[in-house]
Amino acid sequence: MGKKNKIKAFIIENFLFGEDNDLKDDTSFLEEGIIDSTGVLELVEYLEEEFDIEIDDEDMIPENLDSLNNLEQFLKKLLKAS
């Protein structure tokens, strides 16, 4: 399973109560009310554990974390740097 699919499965399971709700790769988690500020922290914790990375506070911005596409690009950048 690819990184994006793992993250999508995590979001569906933890924030959408197991229902896909037509979650697209470019769906904004914040605009759609899928994830709130507490949810962002849960997502970051999951990403750090799942992909063995460390996400700095300054990287916890919507440009990095607000959609599956944004997360995929952010992870590529982080994993390339490590």
C-alpha atoms as a PDB file:
ATOM      1  CA  MET A   1       0.000   0.000   0.000  1.00  0.00           C
ATOM      2  CA  GLY A   2       1.410   3.380  -1.008  1.00  0.00           C
ATOM      3  CA  LYS A   3       1.983   6.214   1.440  1.00  0.00           C
ATOM      4  CA  LYS A   4      -1.017   8.202   0.206  1.00  0.00           C
ATOM      5  CA  ASN A   5      -3.325   5.197   0.549  1.00  0.00           C
ATOM      6  CA  LYS A   6      -2.062   4.477   4.078  1.00  0.00           C
ATOM      7  CA  ILE A   7      -2.747   8.075   5.091  1.00  0.00           C
ATOM      8  CA  LYS A   8      -6.153   8.031   3.398  1.00  0.00           C
ATOM      9  CA  ALA A   9      -7.065   4.838   5.268  1.00  0.00           C
ATOM     10  CA  PHE A  10      -5.949   6.441   8.554  1.00  0.00           C
ATOM     11  CA  ILE A  11      -8.055   9.552   7.907  1.00  0.00           C
ATOM     12  CA  ILE A  12     -11.136   7.546   6.899  1.00  0.00           C
ATOM     13  CA  GLU A  13     -10.800   5.297   9.950  1.00  0.00           C
ATOM     14  CA  ASN A  14     -10.047   8.010  12.506  1.00  0.00           C
ATOM     15  CA  PHE A  15     -11.871  11.104  11.249  1.00  0.00           C
ATOM     16  CA  LEU A  16     -14.637   9.876   8.937  1.00  0.00           C
ATOM     17  CA  PHE A  17     -15.804   6.949  11.077  1.00  0.00           C
ATOM     18  CA  GLY A  18     -14.898   4.424   8.395  1.00  0.00           C
ATOM     19  CA  GLU A  19     -16.874   6.136   5.613  1.00  0.00           C
ATOM     20  CA  ASP A  20     -15.003   7.352   2.547  1.00  0.00           C
ATOM     21  CA  ASN A  21     -17.432  10.285   2.006  1.00  0.00           C
ATOM     22  CA  ASP A  22     -15.967  10.816  -1.466  1.00  0.00           C
ATOM     23  CA  LEU A  23     -12.585  11.872  -0.033  1.00  0.00           C
ATOM     24  CA  LYS A  24     -10.491  13.057  -2.965  1.00  0.00           C
ATOM     25  CA  ASP A  25      -6.740  13.617  -3.092  1.00  0.00           C
ATOM     26  CA  ASP A  26      -7.238  17.402  -3.171  1.00  0.00           C
ATOM     27  CA  THR A  27     -10.043  17.629  -0.570  1.00  0.00           C
ATOM     28  CA  SER A  28      -9.137  20.234   2.062  1.00  0.00           C
ATOM     29  CA  PHE A  29      -9.317  18.595   5.489  1.00  0.00           C
ATOM     30  CA  LEU A  30      -9.827  21.947   7.217  1.00  0.00           C
ATOM     31  CA  GLU A  31     -12.333  23.501   4.802  1.00  0.00           C
ATOM     32  CA  GLU A  32     -14.430  20.334   4.787  1.00  0.00           C
ATOM     33  CA  GLY A  33     -14.283  20.060   8.585  1.00  0.00           C
ATOM     34  CA  ILE A  34     -12.654  16.633   8.413  1.00  0.00           C
ATOM     35  CA  ILE A  35      -9.788  17.498  10.773  1.00  0.00           C
ATOM     36  CA  ASP A  36      -9.655  20.154  13.497  1.00  0.00           C
ATOM     37  CA  SER A  37      -6.606  21.437  15.386  1.00  0.00           C
ATOM     38  CA  THR A  38      -6.600  18.413  17.698  1.00  0.00           C
ATOM     39  CA  GLY A  39      -6.920  16.147  14.669  1.00  0.00           C
ATOM     40  CA  VAL A  40      -3.865  17.758  13.089  1.00  0.00           C
ATOM     41  CA  LEU A  41      -1.842  16.705  16.131  1.00  0.00           C
ATOM     42  CA  GLU A  42      -3.187  13.139  15.829  1.00  0.00           C
ATOM     43  CA  LEU A  43      -2.307  13.114  12.127  1.00  0.00           C
ATOM     44  CA  VAL A  44       1.219  14.391  12.802  1.00  0.00           C
ATOM     45  CA  GLU A  45       1.730  11.762  15.507  1.00  0.00           C
ATOM     46  CA  TYR A  46       0.569   9.062  13.087  1.00  0.00           C
ATOM     47  CA  LEU A  47       2.873  10.314  10.307  1.00  0.00           C
ATOM     48  CA  GLU A  48       5.874  10.455  12.628  1.00  0.00           C
ATOM     49  CA  GLU A  49       5.312   6.891  13.846  1.00  0.00           C
ATOM     50  CA  GLU A  50       4.291   5.372  10.509  1.00  0.00           C
ATOM     51  CA  PHE A  51       7.096   6.891   8.420  1.00  0.00           C
ATOM     52  CA  ASP A  52       9.780   7.287  11.134  1.00  0.00           C
ATOM     53  CA  ILE A  53      10.087  11.039  10.623  1.00  0.00           C
ATOM     54  CA  GLU A  54      10.056  14.131  12.800  1.00  0.00           C
ATOM     55  CA  ILE A  55       7.775  17.023  11.885  1.00  0.00           C
ATOM     56  CA  ASP A  56       8.831  20.401  13.255  1.00  0.00           C
ATOM     57  CA  ASP A  57       6.252  22.843  14.609  1.00  0.00           C
ATOM     58  CA  GLU A  58       6.923  25.288  11.757  1.00  0.00           C
ATOM     59  CA  ASP A  59       6.034  22.546   9.253  1.00  0.00           C
ATOM     60  CA  MET A  60       2.559  22.066  10.766  1.00  0.00           C
ATOM     61  CA  ILE A  61       0.890  24.340   8.222  1.00  0.00           C
ATOM     62  CA  PRO A  62      -2.016  23.759   5.821  1.00  0.00           C
ATOM     63  CA  GLU A  63       0.329  23.830   2.818  1.00  0.00           C
ATOM     64  CA  ASN A  64       1.859  20.617   4.168  1.00  0.00           C
ATOM     65  CA  LEU A  65      -1.022  18.879   5.917  1.00  0.00           C
ATOM     66  CA  ASP A  66      -4.369  19.986   4.451  1.00  0.00           C
ATOM     67  CA  SER A  67      -4.986  17.347   1.769  1.00  0.00           C
ATOM     68  CA  LEU A  68      -3.726  13.966   0.633  1.00  0.00           C
ATOM     69  CA  ASN A  69      -1.820  15.639  -2.222  1.00  0.00           C
ATOM     70  CA  ASN A  70      -0.201  18.167   0.141  1.00  0.00           C
ATOM     71  CA  LEU A  71       0.757  15.393   2.556  1.00  0.00           C
ATOM     72  CA  GLU A  72       2.262  13.300  -0.224  1.00  0.00           C
ATOM     73  CA  GLN A  73       4.466  16.189  -1.418  1.00  0.00           C
ATOM     74  CA  PHE A  74       5.464  17.081   2.140  1.00  0.00           C
ATOM     75  CA  LEU A  75       6.415  13.469   2.928  1.00  0.00           C
ATOM     76  CA  LYS A  76       8.481  13.190  -0.254  1.00  0.00           C
ATOM     77  CA  LYS A  77      10.391  16.306   0.770  1.00  0.00           C
ATOM     78  CA  LEU A  78      10.919  15.096   4.358  1.00  0.00           C
ATOM     79  CA  LEU A  79      11.945  11.574   3.381  1.00  0.00           C
ATOM     80  CA  LYS A  80      14.358  12.858   0.742  1.00  0.00           C
ATOM     81  CA  ALA A  81      16.000  15.141   3.329  1.00  0.00           C
ATOM     82  CA  SER A  82      16.579  12.333   5.835  1.00  0.00           C
END
